């Protein structure tokens, strides 16, 4: 099975409510930067300017994040989220050409709710994506 095809198979696990439940539970574990990437992917899923196949990669990466039994258990200290982070990073590389200032602002606003304004401000200052 091709890697992208394998990744797309995880899309069946994506659920918005489960995603936000997971994000709230790991907000103290994952870095604000990683949470920001996840939120950017989430908001890009509904962006019709992003090709469908690319959006499915985002859905699959987020589905894998939600999956309770993935390759490396999320409960293993120091290693638990490495596989999730690898997939999110791959998806973000696919997303970089589609991230608009509006998507960035939505992600930062939600990030503030998850980790507080101070951490969200630090992420905003880094400017991970070039505007539009």
C-alpha atoms as a PDB file:
ATOM      1  CA  UNK A   1       0.000   0.000   0.000  1.00  0.00           C
ATOM      2  CA  UNK A   2       1.354   3.435  -0.933  1.00  0.00           C
ATOM      3  CA  UNK A   3       2.176   5.702   2.042  1.00  0.00           C
ATOM      4  CA  UNK A   4      -0.422   8.364   1.129  1.00  0.00           C
ATOM      5  CA  UNK A   5      -3.059   5.673   0.526  1.00  0.00           C
ATOM      6  CA  UNK A   6      -2.229   4.164   3.934  1.00  0.00           C
ATOM      7  CA  UNK A   7      -2.496   7.599   5.526  1.00  0.00           C
ATOM      8  CA  UNK A   8      -5.860   8.224   3.852  1.00  0.00           C
ATOM      9  CA  UNK A   9      -7.210   5.039   5.437  1.00  0.00           C
ATOM     10  CA  UNK A  10      -7.101   6.832   8.807  1.00  0.00           C
ATOM     11  CA  UNK A  11      -9.656   9.406   7.618  1.00  0.00           C
ATOM     12  CA  UNK A  12     -12.477   7.159   8.852  1.00  0.00           C
ATOM     13  CA  UNK A  13     -11.367   7.906  12.428  1.00  0.00           C
ATOM     14  CA  UNK A  14     -11.748  11.662  12.098  1.00  0.00           C
ATOM     15  CA  UNK A  15     -14.492  13.226  14.207  1.00  0.00           C
ATOM     16  CA  UNK A  16     -14.572  16.920  15.116  1.00  0.00           C
ATOM     17  CA  UNK A  17     -15.860  16.387  18.660  1.00  0.00           C
ATOM     18  CA  UNK A  18     -13.271  13.696  19.343  1.00  0.00           C
ATOM     19  CA  UNK A  19     -10.530  15.920  17.919  1.00  0.00           C
ATOM     20  CA  UNK A  20     -11.323  18.799  20.264  1.00  0.00           C
ATOM     21  CA  UNK A  21     -11.724  16.441  23.209  1.00  0.00           C
ATOM     22  CA  UNK A  22      -8.264  15.046  22.399  1.00  0.00           C
ATOM     23  CA  UNK A  23      -6.769  18.540  21.997  1.00  0.00           C
ATOM     24  CA  UNK A  24      -8.136  19.632  25.370  1.00  0.00           C
ATOM     25  CA  UNK A  25      -6.703  16.531  27.010  1.00  0.00           C
ATOM     26  CA  UNK A  26      -3.223  16.934  25.491  1.00  0.00           C
ATOM     27  CA  UNK A  27      -2.961  20.730  25.589  1.00  0.00           C
ATOM     28  CA  UNK A  28      -0.457  20.489  28.454  1.00  0.00           C
ATOM     29  CA  UNK A  29       1.526  17.718  26.757  1.00  0.00           C
ATOM     30  CA  UNK A  30       1.873  18.881  23.157  1.00  0.00           C
ATOM     31  CA  UNK A  31       3.659  22.105  22.328  1.00  0.00           C
ATOM     32  CA  UNK A  32       1.610  25.149  21.392  1.00  0.00           C
ATOM     33  CA  UNK A  33       3.326  24.988  17.997  1.00  0.00           C
ATOM     34  CA  UNK A  34       2.060  21.451  17.359  1.00  0.00           C
ATOM     35  CA  UNK A  35      -1.435  22.368  18.537  1.00  0.00           C
ATOM     36  CA  UNK A  36      -1.353  25.316  16.131  1.00  0.00           C
ATOM     37  CA  UNK A  37      -0.416  23.032  13.226  1.00  0.00           C
ATOM     38  CA  UNK A  38      -3.267  20.686  14.129  1.00  0.00           C
ATOM     39  CA  UNK A  39      -5.720  23.582  14.244  1.00  0.00           C
ATOM     40  CA  UNK A  40      -4.500  24.911  10.883  1.00  0.00           C
ATOM     41  CA  UNK A  41      -5.123  21.474   9.353  1.00  0.00           C
ATOM     42  CA  UNK A  42      -8.557  21.360  10.961  1.00  0.00           C
ATOM     43  CA  UNK A  43      -9.581  24.699   9.460  1.00  0.00           C
ATOM     44  CA  UNK A  44      -8.141  23.801   6.042  1.00  0.00           C
ATOM     45  CA  UNK A  45     -10.388  20.736   5.834  1.00  0.00           C
ATOM     46  CA  UNK A  46     -13.364  22.937   5.013  1.00  0.00           C
ATOM     47  CA  UNK A  47     -11.478  25.228   2.620  1.00  0.00           C
ATOM     48  CA  UNK A  48     -12.741  24.518  -0.899  1.00  0.00           C
ATOM     49  CA  UNK A  49      -9.598  26.139  -2.360  1.00  0.00           C
ATOM     50  CA  UNK A  50      -7.628  23.125  -1.136  1.00  0.00           C
ATOM     51  CA  UNK A  51      -7.844  20.136  -3.497  1.00  0.00           C
ATOM     52  CA  UNK A  52     -10.047  17.331  -2.171  1.00  0.00           C
ATOM     53  CA  UNK A  53      -7.222  14.777  -2.110  1.00  0.00           C
ATOM     54  CA  UNK A  54      -5.056  17.154  -0.078  1.00  0.00           C
ATOM     55  CA  UNK A  55      -7.907  17.783   2.368  1.00  0.00           C
ATOM     56  CA  UNK A  56      -8.251  14.020   2.770  1.00  0.00           C
ATOM     57  CA  UNK A  57      -4.587  13.880   3.841  1.00  0.00           C
ATOM     58  CA  UNK A  58      -5.416  16.437   6.549  1.00  0.00           C
ATOM     59  CA  UNK A  59      -8.485  14.470   7.641  1.00  0.00           C
ATOM     60  CA  UNK A  60      -6.430  11.271   7.789  1.00  0.00           C
ATOM     61  CA  UNK A  61      -3.627  12.862   9.832  1.00  0.00           C
ATOM     62  CA  UNK A  62      -6.164  14.235  12.304  1.00  0.00           C
ATOM     63  CA  UNK A  63      -7.959  10.878  12.343  1.00  0.00           C
ATOM     64  CA  UNK A  64      -4.686   9.181  13.243  1.00  0.00           C
ATOM     65  CA  UNK A  65      -4.175  11.685  16.063  1.00  0.00           C
ATOM     66  CA  UNK A  66      -7.586  10.746  17.489  1.00  0.00           C
ATOM     67  CA  UNK A  67      -7.026   7.007  17.071  1.00  0.00           C
ATOM     68  CA  UNK A  68      -6.638   5.564  20.573  1.00  0.00           C
ATOM     69  CA  UNK A  69      -4.446   2.648  19.444  1.00  0.00           C
ATOM     70  CA  UNK A  70      -1.825   3.910  17.034  1.00  0.00           C
ATOM     71  CA  UNK A  71       1.708   2.653  16.334  1.00  0.00           C
ATOM     72  CA  UNK A  72       3.222   4.230  19.443  1.00  0.00           C
ATOM     73  CA  UNK A  73       0.867   4.583  22.397  1.00  0.00           C
ATOM     74  CA  UNK A  74       0.303   8.204  23.356  1.00  0.00           C
ATOM     75  CA  UNK A  75       0.785   7.232  27.002  1.00  0.00           C
ATOM     76  CA  UNK A  76       4.491   6.402  26.622  1.00  0.00           C
ATOM     77  CA  UNK A  77       6.376   9.384  28.089  1.00  0.00           C
ATOM     78  CA  UNK A  78       8.709  11.044  25.595  1.00  0.00           C
ATOM     79  CA  UNK A  79       7.671   8.810  22.699  1.00  0.00           C
ATOM     80  CA  UNK A  80       3.886   8.766  22.783  1.00  0.00           C
ATOM     81  CA  UNK A  81       3.204  11.459  20.234  1.00  0.00           C
ATOM     82  CA  UNK A  82       6.205  11.007  17.920  1.00  0.00           C
ATOM     83  CA  UNK A  83       4.243   9.047  15.314  1.00  0.00           C
ATOM     84  CA  UNK A  84       1.351  11.515  15.508  1.00  0.00           C
ATOM     85  CA  UNK A  85       3.786  14.432  15.183  1.00  0.00           C
ATOM     86  CA  UNK A  86       5.397  12.858  12.117  1.00  0.00           C
ATOM     87  CA  UNK A  87       2.041  12.557  10.354  1.00  0.00           C
ATOM     88  CA  UNK A  88       0.960  16.057  11.353  1.00  0.00           C
ATOM     89  CA  UNK A  89       4.281  17.437  10.094  1.00  0.00           C
ATOM     90  CA  UNK A  90       3.845  15.613   6.769  1.00  0.00           C
ATOM     91  CA  UNK A  91       0.312  17.017   6.434  1.00  0.00           C
ATOM     92  CA  UNK A  92       1.518  20.534   7.286  1.00  0.00           C
ATOM     93  CA  UNK A  93       4.096  20.358   4.481  1.00  0.00           C
ATOM     94  CA  UNK A  94       1.197  19.595   2.133  1.00  0.00           C
ATOM     95  CA  UNK A  95      -0.779  22.507   3.625  1.00  0.00           C
ATOM     96  CA  UNK A  96       1.773  25.294   3.444  1.00  0.00           C
ATOM     97  CA  UNK A  97       0.634  26.642   0.050  1.00  0.00           C
ATOM     98  CA  UNK A  98      -3.003  26.904   1.185  1.00  0.00           C
ATOM     99  CA  UNK A  99      -2.697  28.608   4.570  1.00  0.00           C
ATOM    100  CA  UNK A 100      -4.296  32.047   4.409  1.00  0.00           C
ATOM    101  CA  UNK A 101      -4.176  34.813   7.009  1.00  0.00           C
ATOM    102  CA  UNK A 102      -7.819  33.958   7.820  1.00  0.00           C
ATOM    103  CA  UNK A 103      -6.948  30.314   8.528  1.00  0.00           C
ATOM    104  CA  UNK A 104      -4.019  31.420  10.664  1.00  0.00           C
ATOM    105  CA  UNK A 105      -6.241  33.772  12.664  1.00  0.00           C
ATOM    106  CA  UNK A 106      -8.886  31.089  13.268  1.00  0.00           C
ATOM    107  CA  UNK A 107      -6.178  28.691  14.457  1.00  0.00           C
ATOM    108  CA  UNK A 108      -4.613  31.289  16.777  1.00  0.00           C
ATOM    109  CA  UNK A 109      -8.017  32.204  18.235  1.00  0.00           C
ATOM    110  CA  UNK A 110      -8.739  28.561  19.054  1.00  0.00           C
ATOM    111  CA  UNK A 111      -5.183  28.066  20.316  1.00  0.00           C
ATOM    112  CA  UNK A 112      -5.754  30.909  22.799  1.00  0.00           C
ATOM    113  CA  UNK A 113      -8.728  28.963  24.192  1.00  0.00           C
ATOM    114  CA  UNK A 114      -6.626  25.813  24.551  1.00  0.00           C
ATOM    115  CA  UNK A 115      -3.339  27.156  25.951  1.00  0.00           C
ATOM    116  CA  UNK A 116      -3.993  30.774  26.851  1.00  0.00           C
ATOM    117  CA  UNK A 117      -3.143  34.066  25.170  1.00  0.00           C
ATOM    118  CA  UNK A 118       0.515  34.176  26.244  1.00  0.00           C
ATOM    119  CA  UNK A 119       1.449  30.891  24.524  1.00  0.00           C
ATOM    120  CA  UNK A 120      -0.723  31.703  21.517  1.00  0.00           C
ATOM    121  CA  UNK A 121       1.001  35.084  21.173  1.00  0.00           C
ATOM    122  CA  UNK A 122       4.403  33.361  21.049  1.00  0.00           C
ATOM    123  CA  UNK A 123       3.160  31.126  18.223  1.00  0.00           C
ATOM    124  CA  UNK A 124       1.732  34.133  16.359  1.00  0.00           C
ATOM    125  CA  UNK A 125       5.082  35.958  16.587  1.00  0.00           C
ATOM    126  CA  UNK A 126       6.915  33.020  15.001  1.00  0.00           C
ATOM    127  CA  UNK A 127       4.903  33.372  11.785  1.00  0.00           C
ATOM    128  CA  UNK A 128       5.052  29.744  10.641  1.00  0.00           C
ATOM    129  CA  UNK A 129       3.342  30.388   7.312  1.00  0.00           C
ATOM    130  CA  UNK A 130       3.902  33.167   4.820  1.00  0.00           C
ATOM    131  CA  UNK A 131       0.797  35.292   4.397  1.00  0.00           C
ATOM    132  CA  UNK A 132      -1.570  34.035   1.706  1.00  0.00           C
END
